[in-house]
Structures are given as structure tokens and as C-alpha cells.
Amino acid sequence: MADYDAAYGLWKDTEGMGLRSLDDSKEGIERFLRRNPATSFVAVEEDRITGVLLCGHDGRRGYIYHTAVDVRRRGRGIGRALLSAALDALKKEGVKKVALVVFGTNSGGNAFWEKVGFTERSDLVYRNKSLDERNI
């Protein structure tokens, strides 16, 4: 949680990132990290957060959320290092499969995930429902 403000700033500055008012608030992220204390990571260079990956699981499937690398630091392996740390943490917790959602219009994000071996599932329909109308 000590990294929240810097992580949130990086998320806000990342093109294609979708943030929700309640889920991504300080309280929302704190709740997520309490449930998943060992699977999310930040990259730090010169006392500055340059990358962040939020990851958790339900005991069966891992989920990756809000992965971002400072645009000035991309192409240096930071995203891959964050992903490797998260996947190793999920394996240690017995998780065998991991999923993520990327906006179709996020070409940079989609290119990264494809490059690191995540395949697109055309057989699924992603659906969601907000349980709190304030969570925009």
C-alpha cells in the first residue's frame, strides 16, 4: 500500500488503462492486496516506481490486472520481469492457469500480452455487472 499513489499515477498515465472509482481507490486496492498479499509487484528504479502489475487469484485461476510500465522505460524487460514474478508467485500458491482482460482498442497492451504468450480467446463472451452504481 505504500506504493499506491505512485502506482495509481502510473496507471492514470498509461494509455488504454481502465480505472474504476471504487475498485481502484486506495480502499479498493487495499482490500485486493489483503486477499492477495504475495502476487502483485512493482518495479523501482532510482527510488521511482517504473512498473506495476496487480495480480490475484481465487484459489483456482489467477488474474492479472492493471499492468503498466512507464512509457519512457518500455522495451527494457520491466513488464516481463513483473510478469515472471507474478507467475512464479501464482505457481507457488498452486494456481495452474492465469487470465486477463485487455480493451480491444489497447493495441500496445494487446501486442505485449501476445508477445509474452497470452492467447486471445474468441470462444468467450466477457460480461460484467456493477453492484454499486458509484463504481464508474
N, C-alpha and C. Protein backbone atom coordinates (compact mmCIF):
# COMPACT_ATOMS: atom_id res chain seq x y z
N MET A 1 0.82 -1.20 0.00
CA MET A 1 0.00 0.00 0.00
C MET A 1 0.86 1.26 0.00
N ALA A 2 2.08 1.14 0.46
CA ALA A 2 2.96 2.30 0.47
C ALA A 2 3.22 2.81 -0.94
N ASP A 3 3.04 1.97 -1.93
CA ASP A 3 3.29 2.34 -3.32
C ASP A 3 2.03 2.78 -4.06
N TYR A 4 0.91 2.86 -3.37
CA TYR A 4 -0.37 3.11 -4.05
C TYR A 4 -0.36 4.39 -4.88
N ASP A 5 0.03 5.51 -4.31
CA ASP A 5 -0.07 6.78 -5.03
C ASP A 5 0.76 6.76 -6.31
N ALA A 6 1.97 6.24 -6.24
CA ALA A 6 2.82 6.17 -7.43
C ALA A 6 2.26 5.17 -8.44
N ALA A 7 1.76 4.05 -7.96
CA ALA A 7 1.17 3.05 -8.87
C ALA A 7 -0.07 3.63 -9.55
N TYR A 8 -0.92 4.28 -8.79
CA TYR A 8 -2.13 4.87 -9.36
C TYR A 8 -1.77 5.94 -10.39
N GLY A 9 -0.77 6.73 -10.09
CA GLY A 9 -0.31 7.74 -11.05
C GLY A 9 0.16 7.11 -12.35
N LEU A 10 0.89 6.01 -12.25
CA LEU A 10 1.36 5.31 -13.44
C LEU A 10 0.18 4.74 -14.22
N TRP A 11 -0.80 4.15 -13.52
CA TRP A 11 -1.99 3.64 -14.19
C TRP A 11 -2.71 4.75 -14.94
N LYS A 12 -2.88 5.91 -14.27
CA LYS A 12 -3.58 7.04 -14.90
C LYS A 12 -2.86 7.53 -16.15
N ASP A 13 -1.55 7.45 -16.15
CA ASP A 13 -0.75 7.94 -17.27
C ASP A 13 -0.58 6.91 -18.38
N THR A 14 -1.14 5.72 -18.20
CA THR A 14 -0.96 4.65 -19.18
C THR A 14 -2.14 4.61 -20.14
N GLU A 15 -1.85 4.84 -21.40
CA GLU A 15 -2.89 4.80 -22.44
C GLU A 15 -3.52 3.42 -22.50
N GLY A 16 -4.84 3.38 -22.57
CA GLY A 16 -5.55 2.12 -22.68
C GLY A 16 -5.93 1.50 -21.34
N MET A 17 -5.53 2.12 -20.23
CA MET A 17 -5.83 1.60 -18.90
C MET A 17 -7.24 2.03 -18.49
N GLY A 18 -8.02 1.12 -17.96
CA GLY A 18 -9.36 1.44 -17.47
C GLY A 18 -9.36 1.39 -15.96
N LEU A 19 -9.72 2.48 -15.32
CA LEU A 19 -9.78 2.54 -13.86
C LEU A 19 -11.21 2.76 -13.42
N ARG A 20 -11.55 2.18 -12.27
CA ARG A 20 -12.90 2.33 -11.72
C ARG A 20 -12.81 3.03 -10.37
N SER A 21 -13.73 3.93 -10.12
CA SER A 21 -13.67 4.81 -8.96
C SER A 21 -13.56 4.09 -7.62
N LEU A 22 -14.32 3.03 -7.41
CA LEU A 22 -14.28 2.34 -6.12
C LEU A 22 -13.27 1.20 -6.11
N ASP A 23 -13.26 0.37 -7.15
CA ASP A 23 -12.35 -0.77 -7.19
C ASP A 23 -10.89 -0.34 -7.12
N ASP A 24 -10.55 0.77 -7.75
CA ASP A 24 -9.16 1.21 -7.83
C ASP A 24 -8.83 2.32 -6.85
N SER A 25 -9.76 2.62 -5.97
CA SER A 25 -9.48 3.58 -4.90
C SER A 25 -8.47 2.96 -3.94
N LYS A 26 -7.94 3.79 -3.06
CA LYS A 26 -6.99 3.28 -2.07
C LYS A 26 -7.62 2.14 -1.26
N GLU A 27 -8.86 2.30 -0.88
CA GLU A 27 -9.55 1.28 -0.09
C GLU A 27 -9.77 0.01 -0.92
N GLY A 28 -10.13 0.17 -2.19
CA GLY A 28 -10.35 -0.99 -3.05
C GLY A 28 -9.09 -1.79 -3.29
N ILE A 29 -8.00 -1.10 -3.55
CA ILE A 29 -6.72 -1.79 -3.77
C ILE A 29 -6.23 -2.42 -2.47
N GLU A 30 -6.43 -1.75 -1.36
CA GLU A 30 -6.03 -2.32 -0.07
C GLU A 30 -6.79 -3.62 0.21
N ARG A 31 -8.07 -3.64 -0.09
CA ARG A 31 -8.89 -4.86 0.08
C ARG A 31 -8.36 -5.98 -0.82
N PHE A 32 -8.04 -5.64 -2.07
CA PHE A 32 -7.50 -6.62 -3.01
C PHE A 32 -6.17 -7.19 -2.50
N LEU A 33 -5.28 -6.33 -2.04
CA LEU A 33 -3.96 -6.79 -1.58
C LEU A 33 -4.05 -7.61 -0.29
N ARG A 34 -5.04 -7.33 0.55
CA ARG A 34 -5.23 -8.16 1.75
C ARG A 34 -5.60 -9.59 1.36
N ARG A 35 -6.40 -9.73 0.31
CA ARG A 35 -6.81 -11.06 -0.17
C ARG A 35 -5.70 -11.75 -0.96
N ASN A 36 -4.83 -10.96 -1.55
CA ASN A 36 -3.76 -11.48 -2.42
C ASN A 36 -2.44 -10.81 -2.04
N PRO A 37 -1.89 -11.15 -0.89
CA PRO A 37 -0.73 -10.40 -0.38
C PRO A 37 0.61 -10.70 -1.06
N ALA A 38 0.70 -11.75 -1.85
CA ALA A 38 2.02 -12.15 -2.35
C ALA A 38 2.12 -12.23 -3.87
N THR A 39 1.16 -11.64 -4.59
CA THR A 39 1.14 -11.85 -6.04
C THR A 39 1.21 -10.58 -6.88
N SER A 40 1.28 -9.42 -6.27
CA SER A 40 1.37 -8.15 -7.00
C SER A 40 2.76 -7.55 -6.80
N PHE A 41 3.24 -6.83 -7.83
CA PHE A 41 4.63 -6.37 -7.79
C PHE A 41 4.78 -4.98 -8.40
N VAL A 42 5.81 -4.27 -7.93
CA VAL A 42 6.21 -3.01 -8.53
C VAL A 42 7.68 -3.12 -8.93
N ALA A 43 8.05 -2.37 -9.96
CA ALA A 43 9.45 -2.24 -10.36
C ALA A 43 9.90 -0.84 -9.94
N VAL A 44 11.07 -0.76 -9.34
CA VAL A 44 11.58 0.51 -8.84
C VAL A 44 12.96 0.77 -9.43
N GLU A 45 13.15 1.96 -9.96
CA GLU A 45 14.45 2.41 -10.44
C GLU A 45 14.71 3.79 -9.87
N GLU A 46 15.85 3.96 -9.24
CA GLU A 46 16.22 5.25 -8.66
C GLU A 46 15.12 5.81 -7.77
N ASP A 47 14.61 4.97 -6.87
CA ASP A 47 13.57 5.36 -5.92
C ASP A 47 12.26 5.80 -6.59
N ARG A 48 12.03 5.36 -7.81
CA ARG A 48 10.81 5.73 -8.54
C ARG A 48 10.17 4.48 -9.11
N ILE A 49 8.86 4.36 -8.94
CA ILE A 49 8.15 3.21 -9.50
C ILE A 49 8.06 3.38 -11.01
N THR A 50 8.58 2.39 -11.72
CA THR A 50 8.59 2.43 -13.18
C THR A 50 7.68 1.37 -13.78
N GLY A 51 7.17 0.47 -12.96
CA GLY A 51 6.27 -0.55 -13.45
C GLY A 51 5.44 -1.11 -12.31
N VAL A 52 4.27 -1.62 -12.65
CA VAL A 52 3.38 -2.20 -11.65
C VAL A 52 2.53 -3.28 -12.30
N LEU A 53 2.29 -4.36 -11.56
CA LEU A 53 1.42 -5.43 -12.02
C LEU A 53 0.59 -5.88 -10.83
N LEU A 54 -0.71 -5.78 -10.96
CA LEU A 54 -1.65 -6.19 -9.93
C LEU A 54 -2.15 -7.58 -10.30
N CYS A 55 -2.01 -8.52 -9.39
CA CYS A 55 -2.36 -9.91 -9.69
C CYS A 55 -2.95 -10.58 -8.45
N GLY A 56 -3.90 -11.44 -8.69
CA GLY A 56 -4.50 -12.19 -7.59
C GLY A 56 -5.08 -13.50 -8.11
N HIS A 57 -5.72 -14.23 -7.23
CA HIS A 57 -6.35 -15.49 -7.64
C HIS A 57 -7.48 -15.84 -6.71
N ASP A 58 -8.30 -16.77 -7.16
CA ASP A 58 -9.44 -17.23 -6.37
C ASP A 58 -9.21 -18.64 -5.83
N GLY A 59 -7.96 -19.10 -5.89
CA GLY A 59 -7.63 -20.45 -5.46
C GLY A 59 -7.57 -21.42 -6.61
N ARG A 60 -8.10 -21.04 -7.73
CA ARG A 60 -8.19 -21.90 -8.90
C ARG A 60 -7.58 -21.25 -10.13
N ARG A 61 -7.91 -20.00 -10.38
CA ARG A 61 -7.45 -19.29 -11.57
C ARG A 61 -6.81 -17.98 -11.14
N GLY A 62 -5.68 -17.66 -11.73
CA GLY A 62 -5.03 -16.38 -11.49
C GLY A 62 -5.56 -15.33 -12.43
N TYR A 63 -5.53 -14.09 -11.99
CA TYR A 63 -5.99 -12.97 -12.80
C TYR A 63 -4.98 -11.83 -12.72
N ILE A 64 -4.65 -11.27 -13.86
CA ILE A 64 -3.74 -10.14 -13.92
C ILE A 64 -4.54 -8.90 -14.27
N TYR A 65 -4.28 -7.85 -13.50
CA TYR A 65 -4.96 -6.57 -13.68
C TYR A 65 -3.92 -5.45 -13.73
N HIS A 66 -4.26 -4.38 -14.36
CA HIS A 66 -3.53 -3.12 -14.26
C HIS A 66 -2.01 -3.26 -14.35
N THR A 67 -1.55 -3.81 -15.44
CA THR A 67 -0.12 -3.89 -15.69
C THR A 67 0.30 -2.65 -16.46
N ALA A 68 1.32 -1.97 -15.97
CA ALA A 68 1.78 -0.75 -16.64
C ALA A 68 3.27 -0.57 -16.43
N VAL A 69 3.93 -0.05 -17.46
CA VAL A 69 5.34 0.32 -17.38
C VAL A 69 5.45 1.75 -17.89
N ASP A 70 6.20 2.56 -17.18
CA ASP A 70 6.44 3.94 -17.59
C ASP A 70 6.85 3.96 -19.05
N VAL A 71 6.18 4.78 -19.85
CA VAL A 71 6.41 4.81 -21.29
C VAL A 71 7.88 5.07 -21.63
N ARG A 72 8.57 5.82 -20.79
CA ARG A 72 10.00 6.12 -21.04
C ARG A 72 10.91 4.95 -20.71
N ARG A 73 10.37 3.92 -20.05
CA ARG A 73 11.18 2.78 -19.63
C ARG A 73 10.81 1.49 -20.36
N ARG A 74 9.91 1.56 -21.30
CA ARG A 74 9.46 0.36 -22.01
C ARG A 74 10.55 -0.19 -22.90
N GLY A 75 10.45 -1.49 -23.18
CA GLY A 75 11.42 -2.15 -24.04
C GLY A 75 12.68 -2.58 -23.32
N ARG A 76 12.67 -2.51 -21.99
CA ARG A 76 13.85 -2.88 -21.20
C ARG A 76 13.62 -4.12 -20.34
N GLY A 77 12.49 -4.81 -20.54
CA GLY A 77 12.22 -6.04 -19.82
C GLY A 77 11.50 -5.88 -18.50
N ILE A 78 11.07 -4.67 -18.17
CA ILE A 78 10.39 -4.44 -16.90
C ILE A 78 9.06 -5.20 -16.85
N GLY A 79 8.27 -5.11 -17.90
CA GLY A 79 6.98 -5.81 -17.94
C GLY A 79 7.16 -7.32 -17.84
N ARG A 80 8.14 -7.83 -18.55
CA ARG A 80 8.42 -9.27 -18.49
C ARG A 80 8.87 -9.69 -17.09
N ALA A 81 9.67 -8.88 -16.44
CA ALA A 81 10.14 -9.20 -15.08
C ALA A 81 8.97 -9.19 -14.10
N LEU A 82 8.09 -8.21 -14.22
CA LEU A 82 6.91 -8.17 -13.35
C LEU A 82 6.03 -9.39 -13.59
N LEU A 83 5.82 -9.73 -14.86
CA LEU A 83 5.01 -10.89 -15.20
C LEU A 83 5.63 -12.17 -14.65
N SER A 84 6.92 -12.32 -14.81
CA SER A 84 7.61 -13.51 -14.31
C SER A 84 7.44 -13.65 -12.79
N ALA A 85 7.59 -12.54 -12.08
CA ALA A 85 7.42 -12.57 -10.62
C ALA A 85 5.99 -12.98 -10.26
N ALA A 86 5.01 -12.44 -10.96
CA ALA A 86 3.61 -12.77 -10.67
C ALA A 86 3.31 -14.23 -10.99
N LEU A 87 3.78 -14.71 -12.13
CA LEU A 87 3.52 -16.11 -12.49
C LEU A 87 4.20 -17.06 -11.52
N ASP A 88 5.41 -16.74 -11.09
CA ASP A 88 6.10 -17.57 -10.09
C ASP A 88 5.32 -17.58 -8.78
N ALA A 89 4.80 -16.43 -8.37
CA ALA A 89 4.02 -16.35 -7.13
C ALA A 89 2.75 -17.17 -7.23
N LEU A 90 2.08 -17.12 -8.39
CA LEU A 90 0.87 -17.91 -8.57
C LEU A 90 1.18 -19.41 -8.53
N LYS A 91 2.27 -19.82 -9.17
CA LYS A 91 2.66 -21.23 -9.14
C LYS A 91 2.93 -21.69 -7.72
N LYS A 92 3.58 -20.86 -6.92
CA LYS A 92 3.85 -21.21 -5.51
C LYS A 92 2.56 -21.41 -4.73
N GLU A 93 1.51 -20.73 -5.15
CA GLU A 93 0.22 -20.86 -4.47
C GLU A 93 -0.67 -21.92 -5.10
N GLY A 94 -0.12 -22.69 -6.05
CA GLY A 94 -0.84 -23.82 -6.62
C GLY A 94 -1.76 -23.49 -7.78
N VAL A 95 -1.69 -22.28 -8.30
CA VAL A 95 -2.54 -21.88 -9.41
C VAL A 95 -1.95 -22.40 -10.72
N LYS A 96 -2.79 -22.97 -11.56
CA LYS A 96 -2.33 -23.63 -12.79
C LYS A 96 -2.62 -22.86 -14.07
N LYS A 97 -3.48 -21.84 -14.01
CA LYS A 97 -3.85 -21.10 -15.21
C LYS A 97 -4.10 -19.65 -14.83
N VAL A 98 -3.79 -18.75 -15.76
CA VAL A 98 -3.95 -17.33 -15.47
C VAL A 98 -4.66 -16.66 -16.65
N ALA A 99 -5.49 -15.66 -16.35
CA ALA A 99 -6.26 -14.96 -17.36
C ALA A 99 -6.14 -13.45 -17.14
N LEU A 100 -6.49 -12.70 -18.16
CA LEU A 100 -6.52 -11.25 -18.06
C LEU A 100 -7.46 -10.70 -19.11
N VAL A 101 -7.84 -9.45 -18.94
CA VAL A 101 -8.71 -8.76 -19.89
C VAL A 101 -7.99 -7.51 -20.35
N VAL A 102 -8.00 -7.28 -21.66
CA VAL A 102 -7.41 -6.07 -22.25
C VAL A 102 -8.46 -5.46 -23.17
N PHE A 103 -8.60 -4.15 -23.10
CA PHE A 103 -9.51 -3.48 -24.02
C PHE A 103 -9.06 -3.77 -25.45
N GLY A 104 -10.01 -4.05 -26.33
CA GLY A 104 -9.70 -4.32 -27.71
C GLY A 104 -8.96 -3.18 -28.39
N THR A 105 -9.20 -1.96 -27.94
CA THR A 105 -8.56 -0.79 -28.53
C THR A 105 -7.15 -0.52 -27.99
N ASN A 106 -6.73 -1.29 -27.00
CA ASN A 106 -5.41 -1.09 -26.40
C ASN A 106 -4.37 -1.88 -27.20
N SER A 107 -3.96 -1.32 -28.32
CA SER A 107 -3.05 -2.04 -29.22
C SER A 107 -1.71 -2.34 -28.57
N GLY A 108 -1.16 -1.42 -27.79
CA GLY A 108 0.12 -1.66 -27.12
C GLY A 108 0.01 -2.78 -26.10
N GLY A 109 -1.04 -2.75 -25.30
CA GLY A 109 -1.24 -3.80 -24.31
C GLY A 109 -1.45 -5.16 -24.96
N ASN A 110 -2.28 -5.20 -25.98
CA ASN A 110 -2.53 -6.46 -26.67
C ASN A 110 -1.27 -7.00 -27.33
N ALA A 111 -0.46 -6.13 -27.90
CA ALA A 111 0.79 -6.58 -28.52
C ALA A 111 1.73 -7.18 -27.47
N PHE A 112 1.82 -6.54 -26.29
CA PHE A 112 2.67 -7.07 -25.23
C PHE A 112 2.20 -8.46 -24.80
N TRP A 113 0.90 -8.58 -24.50
CA TRP A 113 0.40 -9.86 -23.98
C TRP A 113 0.55 -10.98 -25.01
N GLU A 114 0.36 -10.68 -26.27
CA GLU A 114 0.56 -11.70 -27.30
C GLU A 114 2.04 -12.09 -27.38
N LYS A 115 2.91 -11.10 -27.28
CA LYS A 115 4.35 -11.35 -27.37
C LYS A 115 4.85 -12.26 -26.24
N VAL A 116 4.21 -12.16 -25.07
CA VAL A 116 4.65 -12.98 -23.93
C VAL A 116 3.85 -14.27 -23.79
N GLY A 117 3.06 -14.61 -24.83
CA GLY A 117 2.44 -15.93 -24.87
C GLY A 117 1.00 -16.04 -24.44
N PHE A 118 0.32 -14.92 -24.22
CA PHE A 118 -1.09 -14.98 -23.86
C PHE A 118 -1.91 -14.99 -25.14
N THR A 119 -2.77 -15.98 -25.28
CA THR A 119 -3.57 -16.11 -26.50
C THR A 119 -4.95 -15.49 -26.32
N GLU A 120 -5.50 -15.03 -27.42
CA GLU A 120 -6.84 -14.46 -27.40
C GLU A 120 -7.87 -15.58 -27.45
N ARG A 121 -8.92 -15.45 -26.65
CA ARG A 121 -9.99 -16.44 -26.64
C ARG A 121 -11.18 -15.87 -27.39
N SER A 122 -11.46 -16.40 -28.56
CA SER A 122 -12.60 -15.91 -29.33
C SER A 122 -13.88 -16.69 -28.99
N ASP A 123 -13.76 -17.72 -28.16
CA ASP A 123 -14.91 -18.55 -27.82
C ASP A 123 -15.64 -18.06 -26.57
N LEU A 124 -15.18 -16.97 -25.97
CA LEU A 124 -15.79 -16.46 -24.74
C LEU A 124 -16.46 -15.12 -24.97
N VAL A 125 -17.45 -14.84 -24.16
CA VAL A 125 -18.06 -13.52 -24.11
C VAL A 125 -17.82 -13.00 -22.71
N TYR A 126 -17.15 -11.88 -22.61
CA TYR A 126 -16.87 -11.27 -21.30
C TYR A 126 -18.09 -10.45 -20.89
N ARG A 127 -18.58 -10.70 -19.70
CA ARG A 127 -19.72 -9.96 -19.18
C ARG A 127 -19.40 -9.47 -17.78
N ASN A 128 -19.98 -8.33 -17.40
CA ASN A 128 -19.87 -7.89 -16.02
C ASN A 128 -21.10 -7.09 -15.63
N LYS A 129 -21.26 -6.90 -14.34
CA LYS A 129 -22.38 -6.14 -13.81
C LYS A 129 -21.89 -5.40 -12.58
N SER A 130 -22.12 -4.13 -12.54
CA SER A 130 -21.73 -3.33 -11.39
C SER A 130 -22.76 -3.51 -10.27
N LEU A 131 -22.29 -3.77 -9.09
CA LEU A 131 -23.16 -3.94 -7.93
C LEU A 131 -23.30 -2.65 -7.13
N ASP A 132 -22.60 -1.61 -7.59
CA ASP A 132 -22.65 -0.31 -6.94
C ASP A 132 -22.58 0.74 -8.04
N GLU A 133 -23.66 1.47 -8.24
CA GLU A 133 -23.72 2.43 -9.35
C GLU A 133 -22.67 3.54 -9.24
N ARG A 134 -22.06 3.69 -8.08
CA ARG A 134 -20.99 4.70 -7.93
C ARG A 134 -19.68 4.22 -8.51
N ASN A 135 -19.57 2.92 -8.82
CA ASN A 135 -18.33 2.33 -9.28
C ASN A 135 -18.19 2.49 -10.78
N ILE A 136 -17.90 3.71 -11.20
CA ILE A 136 -17.77 4.01 -12.63
C ILE A 136 -16.33 3.92 -13.09
